[in-house]
Protein backbone atom coordinates (compact mmCIF):
# COMPACT_ATOMS: atom_id res chain seq x y z
CA MET A 1 -45.30 -25.87 12.34
CA LYS A 2 -48.41 -27.67 9.48
CA MET A 3 -48.04 -23.75 8.09
CA ILE A 4 -43.76 -23.79 7.80
CA TYR A 5 -44.42 -27.08 4.82
CA LEU A 6 -47.29 -25.38 3.68
CA LEU A 7 -45.55 -22.82 2.60
CA ILE A 8 -41.95 -24.12 1.98
CA ALA A 9 -44.20 -26.44 -0.72
CA LEU A 10 -46.43 -23.96 -2.45
CA ALA A 11 -42.77 -22.10 -2.46
CA ALA A 12 -42.00 -25.04 -4.36
CA ILE A 13 -44.23 -25.30 -6.61
CA THR A 14 -43.17 -21.93 -7.37
CA LEU A 15 -39.45 -22.96 -7.51
CA SER A 16 -40.36 -25.53 -9.94
CA SER A 17 -42.14 -23.09 -12.20
CA THR A 18 -39.73 -20.78 -12.44
CA SER A 19 -36.86 -23.93 -13.50
CA ASN A 20 -38.93 -24.61 -16.07
CA THR A 21 -39.65 -21.42 -17.50
CA LEU A 22 -35.33 -21.05 -17.56
CA LEU A 23 -34.76 -24.54 -18.72
CA ALA A 24 -37.26 -23.25 -22.02
CA ASN A 25 -35.20 -20.25 -22.84
CA SER A 26 -32.20 -21.97 -21.71
CA HIS A 27 -31.22 -21.18 -26.08
CA GLN A 28 -31.34 -18.08 -26.47
CA SER A 29 -29.01 -15.51 -25.12
CA PRO A 30 -28.76 -15.68 -20.98
CA THR A 31 -30.32 -13.14 -18.74
CA PHE A 32 -30.46 -12.40 -15.35
CA ASN A 33 -34.18 -12.19 -13.44
CA VAL A 34 -34.15 -8.84 -11.27
CA THR A 35 -36.14 -7.34 -8.15
CA GLU A 36 -35.37 -4.83 -6.52
CA ILE A 37 -34.53 -5.08 -2.67
CA ASN A 38 -35.13 -1.35 -2.35
CA PRO A 39 -34.18 1.64 -4.44
CA ALA A 40 -30.44 0.96 -3.91
CA LEU A 41 -30.30 -2.92 -3.93
CA MET A 42 -31.15 -4.71 -6.28
CA PHE A 43 -31.33 -8.90 -6.33
CA LEU A 44 -30.15 -10.60 -9.65
CA GLN A 45 -30.75 -14.64 -10.73
CA GLY A 46 -28.85 -16.39 -13.03
CA LYS A 47 -27.59 -19.18 -13.60
CA GLY A 48 -25.54 -19.81 -11.14
CA GLY A 49 -25.29 -18.51 -7.29
CA ASN A 50 -27.36 -15.33 -6.61
CA ILE A 51 -25.40 -11.53 -7.03
CA ALA A 52 -26.54 -8.33 -5.11
CA LEU A 53 -25.92 -4.84 -6.86
CA SER A 54 -25.81 -2.59 -4.32
CA THR A 55 -26.02 1.37 -6.54
CA GLY A 56 -25.10 4.20 -4.77
CA GLU A 57 -22.71 8.13 -4.82
CA ASP A 58 -19.90 5.51 -4.32
CA GLY A 59 -20.57 3.12 -7.18
CA LEU A 60 -21.56 -0.04 -7.73
CA LEU A 61 -20.46 -3.45 -5.10
CA ILE A 62 -21.36 -6.67 -6.56
CA ILE A 63 -21.67 -10.27 -3.74
CA ASP A 64 -20.89 -12.66 -6.42
CA ASP A 65 -20.97 -12.44 -9.72
CA ASP A 66 -22.29 -16.33 -11.43
CA TYR A 67 -20.14 -18.77 -14.22
CA ALA A 68 -17.92 -16.71 -16.81
CA GLU A 69 -20.53 -17.38 -19.23
CA MET A 70 -23.01 -14.64 -17.43
CA SER A 71 -20.45 -12.50 -18.09
CA SER A 72 -21.73 -10.67 -21.07
CA ALA A 73 -25.54 -10.46 -19.36
CA LEU A 74 -23.89 -9.15 -15.74
CA LYS A 75 -22.06 -6.42 -17.98
CA ARG A 76 -25.25 -5.49 -19.49
CA GLU A 77 -27.41 -5.34 -16.43
CA ILE A 78 -24.07 -3.06 -14.71
CA GLU A 79 -24.14 -0.73 -17.45
CA LYS A 80 -28.18 0.18 -16.57
CA PHE A 81 -26.32 1.42 -13.36
CA GLY A 82 -23.20 3.32 -14.94
CA GLY A 83 -21.20 0.75 -16.32
CA LYS A 84 -18.29 -1.26 -15.36
CA SER A 85 -15.92 2.13 -14.42
CA GLN A 86 -18.51 2.67 -11.92
CA LEU A 87 -17.36 -1.45 -10.22
CA LYS A 88 -16.00 -0.65 -7.11
CA PHE A 89 -16.43 -4.06 -5.19
CA ILE A 90 -16.26 -7.83 -5.50
CA LEU A 91 -17.02 -9.82 -2.70
CA ASN A 92 -17.25 -13.68 -3.19
CA THR A 93 -18.63 -15.48 -1.36
CA HIS A 94 -16.45 -18.41 -1.52
CA TRP A 95 -14.79 -19.76 -4.14
CA HIS A 96 -16.63 -22.12 -6.55
CA GLY A 97 -17.13 -20.79 -10.35
CA ASP A 98 -20.88 -20.08 -10.26
CA HIS A 99 -20.11 -17.19 -7.59
CA THR A 100 -16.40 -16.68 -9.49
CA GLY A 101 -16.80 -17.08 -12.42
CA SER A 102 -16.63 -13.55 -13.42
CA ASN A 103 -14.28 -12.22 -11.89
CA ALA A 104 -11.96 -12.28 -14.54
CA SER A 105 -14.25 -10.42 -16.87
CA LEU A 106 -14.87 -8.07 -14.66
CA GLY A 107 -12.09 -8.06 -11.68
CA GLN A 108 -9.41 -5.85 -13.32
CA GLY A 109 -9.52 -2.80 -11.68
CA VAL A 110 -11.50 -3.91 -9.26
CA SER A 111 -11.14 -5.17 -5.46
CA ILE A 112 -12.25 -8.32 -5.02
CA VAL A 113 -13.05 -9.34 -1.49
CA ALA A 114 -13.23 -13.13 0.08
CA HIS A 115 -11.91 -14.72 3.14
CA ASP A 116 -8.28 -15.88 2.86
CA ASN A 117 -9.16 -19.33 1.97
CA VAL A 118 -10.68 -18.26 -1.01
CA ARG A 119 -7.84 -16.50 -2.54
CA GLN A 120 -5.85 -18.98 -2.16
CA ARG A 121 -8.48 -21.50 -3.96
CA LEU A 122 -8.25 -19.43 -6.94
CA ASN A 123 -4.96 -19.39 -7.13
CA THR A 124 -3.72 -23.07 -6.83
CA ARG A 125 -5.84 -25.96 -8.69
CA GLN A 126 -8.75 -27.22 -7.33
CA GLU A 127 -11.03 -30.40 -7.19
CA VAL A 128 -14.74 -30.78 -6.62
CA PRO A 129 -14.96 -34.29 -7.11
CA PHE A 130 -18.51 -34.87 -6.53
CA PHE A 131 -18.67 -33.11 -9.60
CA LYS A 132 -16.37 -34.31 -11.61
CA MET A 133 -14.84 -30.62 -12.01
CA VAL A 134 -11.13 -29.24 -11.57
CA SER A 135 -10.64 -25.55 -11.49
CA GLU A 136 -7.45 -23.66 -13.05
CA PRO A 137 -5.37 -21.07 -11.29
CA GLN A 138 -7.16 -17.89 -11.97
CA PRO A 139 -5.26 -14.94 -13.57
CA LYS A 140 -4.16 -12.64 -10.31
CA HIS A 141 -6.60 -9.56 -11.36
CA ALA A 142 -9.34 -12.61 -10.26
CA LEU A 143 -8.11 -13.22 -7.45
CA PRO A 144 -9.33 -11.23 -4.27
CA SER A 145 -6.50 -8.35 -3.54
CA LEU A 146 -7.91 -7.95 -0.23
CA THR A 147 -8.96 -10.52 1.93
CA TYR A 148 -10.14 -11.51 5.67
CA LEU A 149 -9.41 -14.38 8.51
CA GLN A 150 -12.61 -13.93 10.80
CA SER A 151 -14.64 -10.34 9.90
CA MET A 152 -13.86 -7.31 7.80
CA VAL A 153 -16.70 -4.67 7.12
CA ILE A 154 -16.66 -1.92 3.96
CA TYR A 155 -18.42 1.13 5.06
CA PHE A 156 -20.10 1.71 0.74
CA ASN A 157 -22.79 3.52 -0.57
CA ASN A 158 -24.33 4.61 3.04
CA GLU A 159 -24.55 1.03 4.15
CA LYS A 160 -22.05 -1.50 6.53
CA PHE A 161 -21.26 -4.72 4.54
CA THR A 162 -19.90 -6.52 7.21
CA LEU A 163 -18.56 -9.99 5.95
CA GLN A 164 -18.59 -13.12 8.37
CA HIS A 165 -16.32 -16.21 8.18
CA TYR A 166 -17.99 -19.09 9.35
CA PRO A 167 -15.46 -22.60 9.46
CA SER A 168 -16.12 -25.65 7.91
CA GLY A 169 -19.57 -25.05 6.19
CA HIS A 170 -20.50 -25.33 3.06
CA THR A 171 -16.50 -25.33 2.06
CA ASP A 172 -13.50 -24.16 4.30
CA GLY A 173 -13.94 -20.34 2.96
CA ASP A 174 -17.18 -19.48 3.72
CA SER A 175 -18.40 -15.25 4.13
CA VAL A 176 -22.09 -14.80 4.82
CA ILE A 177 -22.59 -10.51 4.28
CA PHE A 178 -24.63 -8.89 6.81
CA LEU A 179 -26.42 -5.18 5.34
CA GLU A 180 -26.95 -3.42 8.51
CA HIS A 181 -29.28 -0.16 6.76
CA ALA A 182 -30.83 -2.44 4.81
CA ASN A 183 -31.11 -5.31 7.21
CA VAL A 184 -30.27 -7.72 4.19
CA VAL A 185 -28.72 -10.95 4.81
CA HIS A 186 -25.94 -13.25 2.19
CA MET A 187 -25.96 -16.15 3.15
CA GLY A 188 -23.94 -17.48 -0.20
CA ASP A 189 -24.18 -21.36 -0.32
CA HIS A 190 -24.64 -21.31 3.31
CA MET A 191 -28.45 -21.30 2.12
CA PHE A 192 -30.45 -23.19 -0.87
CA ASN A 193 -33.48 -22.19 -0.48
CA LEU A 194 -35.59 -25.09 -0.71
CA MET A 195 -33.90 -27.64 -1.27
CA PHE A 196 -31.19 -29.78 0.07
CA PRO A 197 -27.98 -27.92 0.31
CA PHE A 198 -24.41 -29.54 -1.65
CA ILE A 199 -22.16 -29.43 1.24
CA ASP A 200 -18.17 -29.60 -0.74
CA ILE A 201 -16.65 -31.19 2.35
CA ALA A 202 -13.23 -31.82 -0.13
CA SER A 203 -13.22 -28.27 -0.33
CA GLY A 204 -13.63 -28.43 4.24
CA GLY A 205 -17.10 -28.59 3.89
CA ASN A 206 -19.17 -30.03 6.60
CA ALA A 207 -23.26 -30.64 7.15
CA VAL A 208 -23.03 -30.35 10.92
CA ALA A 209 -21.14 -27.37 11.11
CA PHE A 210 -22.60 -25.80 8.42
CA THR A 211 -26.44 -26.43 10.59
CA GLU A 212 -24.73 -24.95 13.25
CA ASN A 213 -23.78 -21.88 11.91
CA ILE A 214 -27.81 -21.59 10.68
CA SER A 215 -28.48 -20.65 13.69
CA SER A 216 -25.84 -18.82 14.83
CA ILE A 217 -26.80 -16.63 11.62
CA ILE A 218 -30.69 -16.38 12.08
CA ASN A 219 -29.53 -15.64 16.33
CA GLN A 220 -28.30 -11.70 13.89
CA ILE A 221 -31.02 -11.54 12.43
CA ASN A 222 -35.41 -10.63 12.74
CA ASP A 223 -38.17 -11.42 11.72
CA THR A 224 -37.88 -8.01 9.10
CA THR A 225 -34.86 -8.80 7.51
CA VAL A 226 -34.31 -10.30 3.68
CA VAL A 227 -33.00 -13.35 3.50
CA ILE A 228 -30.31 -13.71 -0.24
CA PRO A 229 -30.12 -17.50 -0.09
CA GLY A 230 -26.82 -18.38 -2.34
CA HIS A 231 -29.44 -20.07 -5.00
CA GLY A 232 -33.62 -20.45 -4.87
CA PRO A 233 -36.08 -18.01 -4.38
CA LEU A 234 -35.79 -14.28 -2.00
CA THR A 235 -36.95 -15.62 1.50
CA ASP A 236 -37.26 -13.63 5.18
CA LYS A 237 -36.64 -15.24 8.84
CA GLN A 238 -39.10 -17.38 8.97
CA GLY A 239 -37.91 -19.82 5.47
CA LEU A 240 -34.75 -19.72 6.95
CA VAL A 241 -35.73 -20.89 10.30
CA ALA A 242 -37.90 -23.55 8.16
CA TYR A 243 -34.63 -24.64 6.47
CA GLN A 244 -33.06 -24.51 9.44
CA GLN A 245 -34.84 -27.14 11.09
CA MET A 246 -34.50 -29.79 8.51
CA LEU A 247 -30.66 -29.48 8.87
CA GLU A 248 -31.53 -30.73 12.32
CA GLY A 249 -34.17 -33.17 11.88
CA THR A 250 -32.90 -34.59 8.91
CA ILE A 251 -29.13 -34.52 10.69
CA SER A 252 -30.51 -36.27 13.39
CA GLU A 253 -32.41 -39.36 11.45
CA VAL A 254 -29.26 -40.19 9.92
CA LYS A 255 -27.42 -39.89 13.13
CA MET A 256 -29.96 -42.43 14.72
CA MET A 257 -29.18 -44.79 11.82
CA LYS A 258 -25.80 -44.38 11.72
CA ASP A 259 -25.20 -44.49 15.34
CA ALA A 260 -27.65 -48.09 15.77
CA GLY A 261 -24.89 -49.92 13.10
CA ALA A 262 -26.81 -48.68 9.54
CA THR A 263 -24.39 -48.73 7.09
CA LEU A 264 -24.89 -45.44 4.30
CA GLU A 265 -26.57 -47.85 1.72
CA GLN A 266 -28.96 -49.20 4.20
CA ILE A 267 -30.21 -45.65 5.66
CA GLN A 268 -29.56 -44.24 1.67
CA SER A 269 -32.43 -47.34 1.12
CA LYS A 270 -34.73 -46.61 4.39
CA GLY A 271 -34.78 -42.61 2.73
CA LEU A 272 -36.11 -39.26 5.02
CA SER A 273 -39.19 -39.27 7.03
CA GLN A 274 -41.72 -38.20 4.43
CA GLN A 275 -42.12 -34.81 5.69
CA TRP A 276 -38.49 -34.02 4.63
CA LYS A 277 -39.57 -34.96 0.80
CA ILE A 278 -40.94 -31.18 -0.44
CA TRP A 279 -36.91 -30.06 -0.11
CA ASN A 280 -36.22 -33.36 -2.60
CA ASN A 281 -36.63 -30.40 -5.68
CA GLY A 282 -33.17 -29.17 -6.05
CA PHE A 283 -29.84 -30.76 -7.77
CA ILE A 284 -28.80 -31.95 -4.18
CA LYS A 285 -31.48 -35.41 -4.69
CA GLU A 286 -32.29 -37.30 -0.57
CA LYS A 287 -29.16 -39.81 -1.42
CA VAL A 288 -26.98 -37.80 -1.59
CA TRP A 289 -27.97 -35.17 1.03
CA VAL A 290 -27.25 -38.45 3.14
CA LEU A 291 -24.28 -39.48 1.83
CA PHE A 292 -22.86 -35.56 2.70
CA ILE A 293 -24.61 -35.81 6.05
CA TYR A 294 -23.40 -39.72 6.93
CA ASN A 295 -19.14 -38.00 5.58
CA SER A 296 -20.42 -35.48 8.34
CA LEU A 297 -20.84 -37.72 11.41
């Protein structure tokens, strides 16, 4: 257990250093950091949600597509593998704009795939009260044209992509995507690696169900699986297990205090145990994570 926390702490230092570099270069044109997972699968980190890019004889497929302002940079990356004409599929893990923002720029003539609830939310005015954000309905070509209710399989580039819906997690329309042959899983925002996660309660998310979903996903991967989080660096099953332990541990602490009659403000004032402080380096801070848990119980 001590080794897991040491690894998390070291990775957090790396994440902090990377974040500082990105801030220092924020005045430059948007770019992506690209990591090769295997010769046919690239990992792209830009401003918003992490992207997976599949290349091969069938063309190109991307999982998520970052903010709208990253569209030009994303097109430049796609050009390296044949260009927009080769893009056949965009898989959206959920509806938030940091994962679907380039649908409008890239979606013309492309099959956009997502859970039923993603199309519904992108097709209507949405609000995320926590960020005071309003999202207007998207144009037709930016909406998912292929949707599913529980699970869906796409065979593409000699790979089997399985989209699995996990309800009441980060939102009400989350897909986790398993790549069978590559032994990779794209978590979408079911994983904020090395950080407390954002739970969009207004969009049907719930911290307790979120944690239960993580347990289910862990049971479907092995020790060599590459885990792509929605935010943060690449990880593996051990990293996902450490994340699950944090989720279960912090929820247990908040539940115990709430059941004892403590108010939200009292719990936030007391704070979580020291062992969880290493997760407090993302944009969701401890008091906010406590709020999400409290409102999910």
